[in-house]
Amino acid sequence: MTPLPPSAFFEVDTLFRQPIEAWINHGTLPEGSKFLQAALAGDMKHMVKVAAQHELSRLPTLLRFLERVAPDCWGSTNAMGEWLHSGGMTGKARVVGEYERTVVGKRRRRAEGEP
């Protein structure tokens, strides 16, 4: 996976755009927003408890965006933990690149008769 360009986040409200872009692309937890953390964790009860009215009104658009663009990055604390640990899309791209360099390259060398 490659990181998404800033233009991919146009539909995310400006209030959430930077923290959501950092979360999806780099696995950087939105530290300053208990609302976003609760939304990413799928903890609707806590999210409603800590939300300001202007945040709640933007929630449907945010959740549709997350589900369409990066469904693995939210929905439970386990999903959040895995996304955080992986480093977001940047980290996943790094893992895929490393896999291709080592495993795929090794298979290719074997197929070509190299050790």
N, C-alpha and C. Protein backbone atom coordinates (compact mmCIF):
# COMPACT_ATOMS: atom_id res chain seq x y z
N MET A 1 0.85 -1.18 0.00
CA MET A 1 0.00 0.00 0.00
C MET A 1 0.89 1.24 0.00
N THR A 2 0.51 2.18 -0.78
CA THR A 2 1.26 3.44 -0.78
C THR A 2 0.44 4.49 -0.04
N PRO A 3 1.11 5.45 0.56
CA PRO A 3 0.38 6.51 1.26
C PRO A 3 -0.54 7.25 0.30
N LEU A 4 -1.64 7.73 0.83
CA LEU A 4 -2.59 8.48 0.02
C LEU A 4 -2.13 9.92 -0.12
N PRO A 5 -2.31 10.52 -1.28
CA PRO A 5 -1.95 11.93 -1.44
C PRO A 5 -2.95 12.81 -0.68
N PRO A 6 -2.54 14.02 -0.33
CA PRO A 6 -3.45 14.92 0.39
C PRO A 6 -4.79 15.11 -0.31
N SER A 7 -4.81 15.07 -1.62
CA SER A 7 -6.06 15.27 -2.35
C SER A 7 -7.08 14.16 -2.08
N ALA A 8 -6.63 13.00 -1.61
CA ALA A 8 -7.54 11.90 -1.32
C ALA A 8 -8.42 12.19 -0.11
N PHE A 9 -8.03 13.17 0.69
CA PHE A 9 -8.74 13.47 1.92
C PHE A 9 -9.69 14.65 1.79
N PHE A 10 -9.99 15.06 0.56
CA PHE A 10 -10.81 16.25 0.34
C PHE A 10 -12.16 16.17 1.00
N GLU A 11 -12.74 14.96 1.09
CA GLU A 11 -14.09 14.86 1.66
C GLU A 11 -14.10 14.83 3.18
N VAL A 12 -12.93 14.67 3.78
CA VAL A 12 -12.85 14.69 5.24
C VAL A 12 -12.90 16.15 5.68
N ASP A 13 -13.74 16.42 6.64
CA ASP A 13 -13.88 17.78 7.14
C ASP A 13 -12.52 18.33 7.58
N THR A 14 -12.29 19.60 7.37
CA THR A 14 -11.00 20.21 7.70
C THR A 14 -10.65 20.04 9.17
N LEU A 15 -11.64 19.91 10.02
CA LEU A 15 -11.41 19.70 11.44
C LEU A 15 -10.64 18.40 11.69
N PHE A 16 -10.89 17.38 10.87
CA PHE A 16 -10.29 16.07 11.06
C PHE A 16 -9.21 15.73 10.04
N ARG A 17 -9.07 16.51 9.02
CA ARG A 17 -8.25 16.12 7.86
C ARG A 17 -6.81 15.76 8.23
N GLN A 18 -6.10 16.64 8.91
CA GLN A 18 -4.69 16.39 9.22
C GLN A 18 -4.52 15.16 10.12
N PRO A 19 -5.27 15.03 11.23
CA PRO A 19 -5.08 13.84 12.06
C PRO A 19 -5.47 12.54 11.36
N ILE A 20 -6.50 12.58 10.52
CA ILE A 20 -6.90 11.37 9.81
C ILE A 20 -5.88 11.01 8.73
N GLU A 21 -5.34 12.00 8.06
CA GLU A 21 -4.29 11.74 7.07
C GLU A 21 -3.06 11.14 7.74
N ALA A 22 -2.67 11.67 8.89
CA ALA A 22 -1.51 11.13 9.63
C ALA A 22 -1.80 9.71 10.12
N TRP A 23 -3.03 9.46 10.54
CA TRP A 23 -3.40 8.13 11.02
C TRP A 23 -3.36 7.10 9.88
N ILE A 24 -4.00 7.42 8.79
CA ILE A 24 -4.07 6.47 7.68
C ILE A 24 -2.69 6.26 7.05
N ASN A 25 -1.99 7.33 6.78
CA ASN A 25 -0.73 7.20 6.06
C ASN A 25 0.43 6.71 6.93
N HIS A 26 0.47 7.11 8.21
CA HIS A 26 1.64 6.82 9.04
C HIS A 26 1.34 6.07 10.33
N GLY A 27 0.07 5.82 10.61
CA GLY A 27 -0.27 5.15 11.86
C GLY A 27 -0.03 6.04 13.07
N THR A 28 -0.12 7.35 12.89
CA THR A 28 0.09 8.30 13.98
C THR A 28 -1.24 8.54 14.67
N LEU A 29 -1.33 8.15 15.92
CA LEU A 29 -2.57 8.28 16.68
C LEU A 29 -2.96 9.75 16.84
N PRO A 30 -4.22 10.09 16.63
CA PRO A 30 -4.66 11.48 16.81
C PRO A 30 -4.71 11.83 18.31
N GLU A 31 -3.56 12.20 18.86
CA GLU A 31 -3.40 12.44 20.29
C GLU A 31 -4.35 13.49 20.86
N GLY A 32 -4.61 14.55 20.13
CA GLY A 32 -5.39 15.65 20.68
C GLY A 32 -6.89 15.48 20.66
N SER A 33 -7.38 14.37 20.15
CA SER A 33 -8.82 14.23 20.00
C SER A 33 -9.33 12.90 20.56
N LYS A 34 -9.93 12.99 21.73
CA LYS A 34 -10.55 11.79 22.31
C LYS A 34 -11.69 11.31 21.43
N PHE A 35 -12.35 12.25 20.77
CA PHE A 35 -13.45 11.91 19.86
C PHE A 35 -12.94 11.04 18.72
N LEU A 36 -11.87 11.46 18.05
CA LEU A 36 -11.34 10.67 16.93
C LEU A 36 -10.82 9.32 17.40
N GLN A 37 -10.16 9.29 18.54
CA GLN A 37 -9.67 8.01 19.07
C GLN A 37 -10.82 7.06 19.34
N ALA A 38 -11.89 7.57 19.92
CA ALA A 38 -13.06 6.72 20.20
C ALA A 38 -13.72 6.27 18.90
N ALA A 39 -13.79 7.16 17.91
CA ALA A 39 -14.38 6.80 16.62
C ALA A 39 -13.55 5.71 15.95
N LEU A 40 -12.23 5.86 15.95
CA LEU A 40 -11.36 4.85 15.32
C LEU A 40 -11.46 3.52 16.04
N ALA A 41 -11.65 3.56 17.35
CA ALA A 41 -11.77 2.33 18.14
C ALA A 41 -13.15 1.70 18.04
N GLY A 42 -14.09 2.40 17.42
CA GLY A 42 -15.46 1.89 17.31
C GLY A 42 -16.21 1.97 18.63
N ASP A 43 -15.74 2.82 19.54
CA ASP A 43 -16.35 2.97 20.87
C ASP A 43 -17.38 4.10 20.81
N MET A 44 -18.56 3.77 20.31
CA MET A 44 -19.57 4.79 20.08
C MET A 44 -20.05 5.43 21.38
N LYS A 45 -20.14 4.67 22.43
CA LYS A 45 -20.60 5.22 23.71
C LYS A 45 -19.64 6.31 24.20
N HIS A 46 -18.35 6.02 24.19
CA HIS A 46 -17.37 7.01 24.63
C HIS A 46 -17.30 8.18 23.66
N MET A 47 -17.41 7.89 22.38
CA MET A 47 -17.34 8.93 21.37
C MET A 47 -18.45 9.96 21.59
N VAL A 48 -19.66 9.49 21.83
CA VAL A 48 -20.78 10.40 22.06
C VAL A 48 -20.57 11.18 23.36
N LYS A 49 -19.99 10.53 24.35
CA LYS A 49 -19.76 11.17 25.64
C LYS A 49 -18.77 12.34 25.53
N VAL A 50 -17.72 12.17 24.74
CA VAL A 50 -16.66 13.20 24.67
C VAL A 50 -16.84 14.17 23.50
N ALA A 51 -17.79 13.92 22.62
CA ALA A 51 -17.92 14.72 21.39
C ALA A 51 -18.56 16.07 21.63
N ALA A 52 -18.09 17.02 20.86
CA ALA A 52 -18.78 18.31 20.75
C ALA A 52 -19.82 18.15 19.64
N GLN A 53 -20.85 18.96 19.66
CA GLN A 53 -21.92 18.84 18.67
C GLN A 53 -21.39 18.95 17.25
N HIS A 54 -20.45 19.86 17.01
CA HIS A 54 -19.93 20.02 15.65
C HIS A 54 -19.15 18.78 15.19
N GLU A 55 -18.60 18.00 16.13
CA GLU A 55 -17.92 16.77 15.74
C GLU A 55 -18.92 15.69 15.37
N LEU A 56 -19.98 15.56 16.15
CA LEU A 56 -21.00 14.54 15.88
C LEU A 56 -21.66 14.75 14.53
N SER A 57 -21.88 15.99 14.15
CA SER A 57 -22.55 16.25 12.88
C SER A 57 -21.69 15.83 11.68
N ARG A 58 -20.39 15.71 11.89
CA ARG A 58 -19.47 15.33 10.80
C ARG A 58 -19.15 13.83 10.80
N LEU A 59 -19.66 13.12 11.78
CA LEU A 59 -19.34 11.70 11.94
C LEU A 59 -19.73 10.81 10.76
N PRO A 60 -20.93 10.88 10.21
CA PRO A 60 -21.28 9.98 9.11
C PRO A 60 -20.32 10.06 7.92
N THR A 61 -19.95 11.27 7.54
CA THR A 61 -19.02 11.44 6.41
C THR A 61 -17.66 10.84 6.74
N LEU A 62 -17.20 11.07 7.96
CA LEU A 62 -15.90 10.53 8.38
C LEU A 62 -15.90 9.00 8.35
N LEU A 63 -16.92 8.37 8.90
CA LEU A 63 -16.97 6.91 8.95
C LEU A 63 -17.12 6.30 7.56
N ARG A 64 -17.89 6.91 6.69
CA ARG A 64 -17.99 6.41 5.31
C ARG A 64 -16.63 6.49 4.62
N PHE A 65 -15.91 7.59 4.84
CA PHE A 65 -14.58 7.75 4.26
C PHE A 65 -13.63 6.66 4.76
N LEU A 66 -13.59 6.44 6.07
CA LEU A 66 -12.70 5.43 6.63
C LEU A 66 -13.02 4.04 6.09
N GLU A 67 -14.29 3.73 6.00
CA GLU A 67 -14.68 2.40 5.52
C GLU A 67 -14.33 2.21 4.05
N ARG A 68 -14.44 3.25 3.27
CA ARG A 68 -14.14 3.15 1.84
C ARG A 68 -12.64 3.16 1.57
N VAL A 69 -11.89 3.97 2.28
CA VAL A 69 -10.48 4.18 1.96
C VAL A 69 -9.55 3.25 2.72
N ALA A 70 -9.80 3.03 3.99
CA ALA A 70 -8.89 2.22 4.81
C ALA A 70 -9.68 1.44 5.86
N PRO A 71 -10.45 0.46 5.44
CA PRO A 71 -11.32 -0.24 6.39
C PRO A 71 -10.58 -0.98 7.49
N ASP A 72 -9.31 -1.30 7.28
CA ASP A 72 -8.55 -2.02 8.30
C ASP A 72 -8.03 -1.14 9.42
N CYS A 73 -8.14 0.18 9.29
CA CYS A 73 -7.52 1.08 10.26
C CYS A 73 -8.44 1.47 11.41
N TRP A 74 -9.66 1.01 11.42
CA TRP A 74 -10.59 1.45 12.46
C TRP A 74 -11.62 0.38 12.75
N GLY A 75 -12.43 0.63 13.78
CA GLY A 75 -13.55 -0.25 14.09
C GLY A 75 -13.42 -0.99 15.40
N SER A 76 -12.19 -1.15 15.89
CA SER A 76 -11.97 -1.82 17.17
C SER A 76 -10.59 -1.42 17.69
N THR A 77 -10.39 -1.68 18.97
CA THR A 77 -9.07 -1.38 19.54
C THR A 77 -8.01 -2.31 18.94
N ASN A 78 -8.40 -3.53 18.58
CA ASN A 78 -7.45 -4.44 17.92
C ASN A 78 -7.03 -3.91 16.56
N ALA A 79 -8.00 -3.44 15.78
CA ALA A 79 -7.69 -2.87 14.46
C ALA A 79 -6.77 -1.66 14.62
N MET A 80 -7.07 -0.82 15.60
CA MET A 80 -6.23 0.35 15.85
C MET A 80 -4.81 -0.06 16.23
N GLY A 81 -4.71 -1.03 17.11
CA GLY A 81 -3.39 -1.49 17.54
C GLY A 81 -2.56 -2.04 16.40
N GLU A 82 -3.19 -2.83 15.54
CA GLU A 82 -2.48 -3.38 14.39
C GLU A 82 -2.05 -2.29 13.43
N TRP A 83 -2.94 -1.31 13.20
CA TRP A 83 -2.62 -0.20 12.29
C TRP A 83 -1.47 0.63 12.87
N LEU A 84 -1.55 0.91 14.16
CA LEU A 84 -0.51 1.67 14.84
C LEU A 84 0.83 0.94 14.74
N HIS A 85 0.81 -0.35 15.02
CA HIS A 85 2.03 -1.17 14.98
C HIS A 85 2.61 -1.26 13.56
N SER A 86 1.75 -1.29 12.57
CA SER A 86 2.22 -1.44 11.19
C SER A 86 2.80 -0.14 10.62
N GLY A 87 2.44 0.99 11.23
CA GLY A 87 2.90 2.27 10.69
C GLY A 87 2.03 2.81 9.58
N GLY A 88 0.76 2.41 9.56
CA GLY A 88 -0.17 2.90 8.54
C GLY A 88 0.20 2.41 7.16
N MET A 89 -0.27 3.12 6.15
CA MET A 89 -0.01 2.70 4.77
C MET A 89 1.47 2.79 4.42
N THR A 90 2.17 3.75 5.01
CA THR A 90 3.60 3.86 4.76
C THR A 90 4.32 2.61 5.27
N GLY A 91 3.96 2.18 6.47
CA GLY A 91 4.57 0.98 7.04
C GLY A 91 4.22 -0.28 6.27
N LYS A 92 2.97 -0.36 5.83
CA LYS A 92 2.55 -1.52 5.04
C LYS A 92 3.29 -1.56 3.70
N ALA A 93 3.51 -0.40 3.10
CA ALA A 93 4.27 -0.35 1.84
C ALA A 93 5.71 -0.80 2.08
N ARG A 94 6.27 -0.41 3.22
CA ARG A 94 7.63 -0.81 3.55
C ARG A 94 7.72 -2.33 3.71
N VAL A 95 6.72 -2.91 4.39
CA VAL A 95 6.69 -4.36 4.58
C VAL A 95 6.55 -5.08 3.25
N VAL A 96 5.66 -4.61 2.40
CA VAL A 96 5.48 -5.22 1.08
C VAL A 96 6.76 -5.11 0.27
N GLY A 97 7.39 -3.94 0.30
CA GLY A 97 8.64 -3.75 -0.43
C GLY A 97 9.73 -4.68 0.07
N GLU A 98 9.83 -4.83 1.37
CA GLU A 98 10.83 -5.73 1.96
C GLU A 98 10.54 -7.17 1.56
N TYR A 99 9.28 -7.56 1.59
CA TYR A 99 8.89 -8.91 1.19
C TYR A 99 9.29 -9.16 -0.26
N GLU A 100 8.99 -8.20 -1.11
CA GLU A 100 9.31 -8.37 -2.53
C GLU A 100 10.82 -8.45 -2.75
N ARG A 101 11.59 -7.66 -2.01
CA ARG A 101 13.05 -7.70 -2.16
C ARG A 101 13.63 -9.03 -1.67
N THR A 102 13.10 -9.57 -0.58
CA THR A 102 13.69 -10.77 -0.01
C THR A 102 13.06 -12.04 -0.56
N VAL A 103 11.80 -12.24 -0.29
CA VAL A 103 11.14 -13.50 -0.65
C VAL A 103 10.97 -13.63 -2.16
N VAL A 104 10.40 -12.63 -2.81
CA VAL A 104 10.16 -12.71 -4.24
C VAL A 104 11.50 -12.75 -4.99
N GLY A 105 12.44 -11.94 -4.54
CA GLY A 105 13.77 -11.94 -5.16
C GLY A 105 14.45 -13.28 -5.03
N LYS A 106 14.33 -13.90 -3.87
CA LYS A 106 14.94 -15.21 -3.63
C LYS A 106 14.31 -16.26 -4.55
N ARG A 107 12.99 -16.22 -4.68
CA ARG A 107 12.31 -17.15 -5.58
C ARG A 107 12.75 -16.94 -7.03
N ARG A 108 12.89 -15.70 -7.41
CA ARG A 108 13.31 -15.38 -8.77
C ARG A 108 14.73 -15.89 -9.02
N ARG A 109 15.62 -15.69 -8.05
CA ARG A 109 17.00 -16.16 -8.21
C ARG A 109 17.06 -17.69 -8.31
N ARG A 110 16.25 -18.35 -7.49
CA ARG A 110 16.21 -19.82 -7.55
C ARG A 110 15.71 -20.30 -8.92
N ALA A 111 14.67 -19.63 -9.41
CA ALA A 111 14.11 -20.01 -10.72
C ALA A 111 15.14 -19.82 -11.83
N GLU A 112 16.03 -18.86 -11.63
CA GLU A 112 17.05 -18.59 -12.64
C GLU A 112 18.30 -19.42 -12.40
N GLY A 113 18.28 -20.31 -11.38
CA GLY A 113 19.39 -21.19 -11.11
C GLY A 113 20.46 -20.63 -10.20
N GLU A 114 20.22 -19.48 -9.60
CA GLU A 114 21.19 -18.90 -8.67
C GLU A 114 20.91 -19.43 -7.26
N PRO A 115 21.93 -19.46 -6.41
CA PRO A 115 21.72 -19.94 -5.02
C PRO A 115 20.92 -18.98 -4.17
